[in-house]
Amino acid sequence: MGSERSQNYGKLLGAVKRLRMIESLEVGLSKFETALRRGEALPLSEVEEIFTRKALNVTKGNISVAAEKLGISRSTIYRKMQELGIRIEDYQAASI
């Protein structure tokens, strides 16, 4: 029974992390859309982070597919993830 609770807790924790990432992603996309509507520019690093996170979220952490969707190489997406502090484990967690 303790093992089952531990597994359930782990799944719940993963779901909470995923919700936080999605919420953060939505805030980033909203900020990007607002800036576009106002004719403002966001720093390139911020735009890269928004779209890298979105690609990883959509592909559930599949780096090859995310890189393809972004039109960049796998080595580039790995480098961007490292620069931005993005952990692939967060995107490969059990989906909700």
N, C-alpha and C. Protein backbone atom coordinates (compact mmCIF):
# COMPACT_ATOMS: atom_id res chain seq x y z
N MET A 1 0.81 -1.19 0.00
CA MET A 1 0.00 0.00 0.00
C MET A 1 0.87 1.27 0.00
N GLY A 2 1.95 1.24 0.74
CA GLY A 2 2.85 2.39 0.78
C GLY A 2 3.46 2.67 -0.58
N SER A 3 3.78 1.60 -1.31
CA SER A 3 4.34 1.76 -2.65
C SER A 3 3.32 2.38 -3.60
N GLU A 4 2.07 1.99 -3.46
CA GLU A 4 1.01 2.54 -4.31
C GLU A 4 0.84 4.03 -4.02
N ARG A 5 0.88 4.39 -2.74
CA ARG A 5 0.78 5.81 -2.36
C ARG A 5 1.94 6.60 -2.94
N SER A 6 3.12 6.01 -2.85
CA SER A 6 4.32 6.66 -3.37
C SER A 6 4.19 6.89 -4.88
N GLN A 7 3.67 5.91 -5.60
CA GLN A 7 3.48 6.05 -7.04
C GLN A 7 2.44 7.12 -7.34
N ASN A 8 1.35 7.12 -6.59
CA ASN A 8 0.31 8.12 -6.79
C ASN A 8 0.83 9.52 -6.50
N TYR A 9 1.63 9.64 -5.44
CA TYR A 9 2.22 10.92 -5.09
C TYR A 9 3.14 11.40 -6.21
N GLY A 10 3.93 10.48 -6.75
CA GLY A 10 4.83 10.82 -7.84
C GLY A 10 4.06 11.30 -9.07
N LYS A 11 2.97 10.62 -9.39
CA LYS A 11 2.15 11.01 -10.54
C LYS A 11 1.52 12.39 -10.30
N LEU A 12 1.04 12.60 -9.09
CA LEU A 12 0.43 13.88 -8.75
C LEU A 12 1.46 15.01 -8.84
N LEU A 13 2.64 14.76 -8.32
CA LEU A 13 3.72 15.75 -8.38
C LEU A 13 4.06 16.07 -9.83
N GLY A 14 4.13 15.04 -10.67
CA GLY A 14 4.41 15.24 -12.09
C GLY A 14 3.32 16.07 -12.75
N ALA A 15 2.07 15.81 -12.40
CA ALA A 15 0.95 16.55 -12.97
C ALA A 15 1.00 18.02 -12.56
N VAL A 16 1.34 18.28 -11.31
CA VAL A 16 1.45 19.66 -10.82
C VAL A 16 2.57 20.39 -11.55
N LYS A 17 3.71 19.74 -11.74
CA LYS A 17 4.83 20.35 -12.46
C LYS A 17 4.41 20.70 -13.88
N ARG A 18 3.71 19.77 -14.51
CA ARG A 18 3.28 19.97 -15.89
C ARG A 18 2.29 21.15 -15.97
N LEU A 19 1.38 21.24 -15.02
CA LEU A 19 0.44 22.37 -15.00
C LEU A 19 1.17 23.69 -14.85
N ARG A 20 2.18 23.71 -14.00
CA ARG A 20 2.96 24.94 -13.81
C ARG A 20 3.68 25.33 -15.09
N MET A 21 4.23 24.33 -15.80
CA MET A 21 4.91 24.61 -17.06
C MET A 21 3.94 25.15 -18.09
N ILE A 22 2.76 24.54 -18.17
CA ILE A 22 1.76 24.99 -19.14
C ILE A 22 1.33 26.41 -18.81
N GLU A 23 1.11 26.69 -17.54
CA GLU A 23 0.72 28.04 -17.12
C GLU A 23 1.81 29.04 -17.48
N SER A 24 3.05 28.69 -17.24
CA SER A 24 4.18 29.56 -17.57
C SER A 24 4.26 29.77 -19.07
N LEU A 25 4.03 28.71 -19.83
CA LEU A 25 4.05 28.79 -21.28
C LEU A 25 2.95 29.72 -21.79
N GLU A 26 1.77 29.59 -21.23
CA GLU A 26 0.64 30.44 -21.63
C GLU A 26 0.94 31.91 -21.34
N VAL A 27 1.57 32.18 -20.22
CA VAL A 27 1.95 33.56 -19.88
C VAL A 27 2.95 34.09 -20.90
N GLY A 28 3.92 33.27 -21.26
CA GLY A 28 4.92 33.67 -22.25
C GLY A 28 4.31 33.94 -23.61
N LEU A 29 3.41 33.05 -24.05
CA LEU A 29 2.75 33.25 -25.34
C LEU A 29 1.87 34.50 -25.33
N SER A 30 1.18 34.72 -24.22
CA SER A 30 0.33 35.90 -24.09
C SER A 30 1.18 37.17 -24.17
N LYS A 31 2.32 37.15 -23.50
CA LYS A 31 3.23 38.29 -23.51
C LYS A 31 3.73 38.56 -24.94
N PHE A 32 4.04 37.48 -25.67
CA PHE A 32 4.50 37.58 -27.04
C PHE A 32 3.40 38.18 -27.93
N GLU A 33 2.19 37.67 -27.80
CA GLU A 33 1.06 38.17 -28.60
C GLU A 33 0.77 39.64 -28.30
N THR A 34 0.82 40.00 -27.04
CA THR A 34 0.57 41.39 -26.65
C THR A 34 1.63 42.32 -27.25
N ALA A 35 2.87 41.90 -27.19
CA ALA A 35 3.96 42.71 -27.75
C ALA A 35 3.76 42.88 -29.26
N LEU A 36 3.36 41.81 -29.95
CA LEU A 36 3.13 41.90 -31.39
C LEU A 36 2.00 42.88 -31.71
N ARG A 37 0.91 42.78 -30.96
CA ARG A 37 -0.23 43.67 -31.18
C ARG A 37 0.15 45.13 -30.98
N ARG A 38 1.00 45.38 -30.03
CA ARG A 38 1.41 46.76 -29.72
C ARG A 38 2.54 47.24 -30.63
N GLY A 39 3.05 46.34 -31.46
CA GLY A 39 4.17 46.72 -32.32
C GLY A 39 5.48 46.80 -31.56
N GLU A 40 5.54 46.14 -30.41
CA GLU A 40 6.75 46.15 -29.60
C GLU A 40 7.59 44.92 -29.92
N ALA A 41 8.82 44.98 -29.51
CA ALA A 41 9.72 43.84 -29.70
C ALA A 41 10.10 43.26 -28.35
N LEU A 42 10.21 41.94 -28.32
CA LEU A 42 10.73 41.26 -27.14
C LEU A 42 12.17 40.89 -27.43
N PRO A 43 12.99 40.78 -26.40
CA PRO A 43 14.35 40.32 -26.62
C PRO A 43 14.35 38.93 -27.28
N LEU A 44 15.27 38.72 -28.20
CA LEU A 44 15.33 37.46 -28.93
C LEU A 44 15.42 36.26 -27.99
N SER A 45 16.17 36.40 -26.91
CA SER A 45 16.31 35.28 -25.97
C SER A 45 14.96 34.89 -25.36
N GLU A 46 14.12 35.88 -25.13
CA GLU A 46 12.79 35.62 -24.56
C GLU A 46 11.89 34.91 -25.58
N VAL A 47 11.96 35.34 -26.82
CA VAL A 47 11.18 34.71 -27.89
C VAL A 47 11.65 33.26 -28.09
N GLU A 48 12.96 33.06 -28.09
CA GLU A 48 13.51 31.71 -28.24
C GLU A 48 13.02 30.80 -27.12
N GLU A 49 13.02 31.32 -25.90
CA GLU A 49 12.56 30.51 -24.78
C GLU A 49 11.09 30.14 -24.91
N ILE A 50 10.27 31.11 -25.27
CA ILE A 50 8.84 30.84 -25.43
C ILE A 50 8.60 29.73 -26.46
N PHE A 51 9.25 29.86 -27.62
CA PHE A 51 9.01 28.89 -28.69
C PHE A 51 9.70 27.54 -28.44
N THR A 52 10.83 27.56 -27.76
CA THR A 52 11.47 26.29 -27.42
C THR A 52 10.60 25.52 -26.44
N ARG A 53 10.10 26.21 -25.44
CA ARG A 53 9.21 25.55 -24.46
C ARG A 53 7.93 25.05 -25.12
N LYS A 54 7.38 25.84 -26.02
CA LYS A 54 6.15 25.44 -26.72
C LYS A 54 6.40 24.19 -27.55
N ALA A 55 7.49 24.17 -28.30
CA ALA A 55 7.81 23.00 -29.13
C ALA A 55 8.01 21.76 -28.27
N LEU A 56 8.69 21.89 -27.15
CA LEU A 56 8.91 20.75 -26.26
C LEU A 56 7.61 20.29 -25.64
N ASN A 57 6.74 21.23 -25.31
CA ASN A 57 5.46 20.88 -24.72
C ASN A 57 4.59 20.11 -25.73
N VAL A 58 4.51 20.63 -26.93
CA VAL A 58 3.69 20.01 -27.98
C VAL A 58 4.20 18.60 -28.32
N THR A 59 5.51 18.42 -28.30
CA THR A 59 6.09 17.13 -28.68
C THR A 59 6.33 16.21 -27.48
N LYS A 60 5.87 16.65 -26.30
CA LYS A 60 6.04 15.89 -25.05
C LYS A 60 7.52 15.52 -24.81
N GLY A 61 8.39 16.47 -25.13
CA GLY A 61 9.81 16.29 -24.86
C GLY A 61 10.59 15.57 -25.93
N ASN A 62 10.01 15.32 -27.08
CA ASN A 62 10.74 14.67 -28.17
C ASN A 62 11.62 15.73 -28.83
N ILE A 63 12.90 15.69 -28.50
CA ILE A 63 13.82 16.73 -28.94
C ILE A 63 13.98 16.77 -30.45
N SER A 64 14.05 15.62 -31.08
CA SER A 64 14.21 15.58 -32.54
C SER A 64 13.03 16.26 -33.24
N VAL A 65 11.83 15.93 -32.82
CA VAL A 65 10.63 16.51 -33.44
C VAL A 65 10.53 18.00 -33.10
N ALA A 66 10.83 18.36 -31.85
CA ALA A 66 10.78 19.77 -31.45
C ALA A 66 11.77 20.59 -32.28
N ALA A 67 12.97 20.08 -32.46
CA ALA A 67 13.98 20.78 -33.26
C ALA A 67 13.51 20.92 -34.70
N GLU A 68 12.91 19.86 -35.23
CA GLU A 68 12.39 19.90 -36.60
C GLU A 68 11.30 20.96 -36.73
N LYS A 69 10.39 21.01 -35.76
CA LYS A 69 9.31 22.00 -35.80
C LYS A 69 9.86 23.42 -35.74
N LEU A 70 10.96 23.61 -35.03
CA LEU A 70 11.56 24.93 -34.90
C LEU A 70 12.49 25.26 -36.07
N GLY A 71 12.80 24.24 -36.88
CA GLY A 71 13.70 24.46 -38.02
C GLY A 71 15.15 24.61 -37.61
N ILE A 72 15.51 23.94 -36.51
CA ILE A 72 16.90 23.99 -36.03
C ILE A 72 17.40 22.56 -35.83
N SER A 73 18.70 22.43 -35.64
CA SER A 73 19.28 21.10 -35.43
C SER A 73 19.11 20.66 -33.98
N ARG A 74 19.28 19.36 -33.75
CA ARG A 74 19.21 18.83 -32.39
C ARG A 74 20.27 19.46 -31.50
N SER A 75 21.47 19.64 -32.05
CA SER A 75 22.54 20.22 -31.23
C SER A 75 22.18 21.66 -30.83
N THR A 76 21.50 22.38 -31.71
CA THR A 76 21.10 23.76 -31.40
C THR A 76 20.05 23.78 -30.30
N ILE A 77 19.07 22.89 -30.39
CA ILE A 77 18.03 22.89 -29.35
C ILE A 77 18.61 22.46 -28.00
N TYR A 78 19.55 21.51 -28.01
CA TYR A 78 20.21 21.12 -26.76
C TYR A 78 20.96 22.31 -26.16
N ARG A 79 21.67 23.06 -27.03
CA ARG A 79 22.42 24.22 -26.55
C ARG A 79 21.48 25.28 -25.98
N LYS A 80 20.38 25.54 -26.69
CA LYS A 80 19.40 26.53 -26.22
C LYS A 80 18.80 26.09 -24.88
N MET A 81 18.48 24.82 -24.77
CA MET A 81 17.92 24.31 -23.52
C MET A 81 18.89 24.53 -22.37
N GLN A 82 20.16 24.26 -22.63
CA GLN A 82 21.18 24.45 -21.58
C GLN A 82 21.29 25.93 -21.22
N GLU A 83 21.33 26.80 -22.21
CA GLU A 83 21.42 28.25 -21.98
C GLU A 83 20.22 28.77 -21.19
N LEU A 84 19.04 28.22 -21.47
CA LEU A 84 17.81 28.70 -20.86
C LEU A 84 17.44 27.96 -19.58
N GLY A 85 18.21 26.94 -19.24
CA GLY A 85 17.93 26.17 -18.02
C GLY A 85 16.70 25.30 -18.14
N ILE A 86 16.41 24.82 -19.36
CA ILE A 86 15.25 23.97 -19.59
C ILE A 86 15.66 22.52 -19.39
N ARG A 87 14.90 21.83 -18.54
CA ARG A 87 15.17 20.41 -18.25
C ARG A 87 14.21 19.55 -19.06
N ILE A 88 14.73 18.66 -19.87
CA ILE A 88 13.90 17.80 -20.71
C ILE A 88 13.01 16.89 -19.88
N GLU A 89 13.47 16.52 -18.70
CA GLU A 89 12.69 15.64 -17.82
C GLU A 89 11.31 16.22 -17.51
N ASP A 90 11.24 17.54 -17.44
CA ASP A 90 9.97 18.20 -17.13
C ASP A 90 8.95 18.00 -18.24
N TYR A 91 9.42 17.84 -19.46
CA TYR A 91 8.52 17.69 -20.60
C TYR A 91 8.23 16.23 -20.92
N GLN A 92 9.03 15.33 -20.36
CA GLN A 92 8.82 13.91 -20.59
C GLN A 92 8.04 13.28 -19.46
N ALA A 93 7.66 14.06 -18.46
CA ALA A 93 6.88 13.57 -17.33
C ALA A 93 5.53 13.05 -17.82
N ALA A 94 4.92 12.25 -17.02
CA ALA A 94 3.61 11.71 -17.40
C ALA A 94 2.66 12.84 -17.75
N SER A 95 2.06 12.74 -18.92
CA SER A 95 1.15 13.80 -19.36
C SER A 95 -0.18 13.71 -18.63
N ILE A 96 -0.84 14.83 -18.61
CA ILE A 96 -2.11 14.95 -17.88
C ILE A 96 -3.23 14.43 -18.75
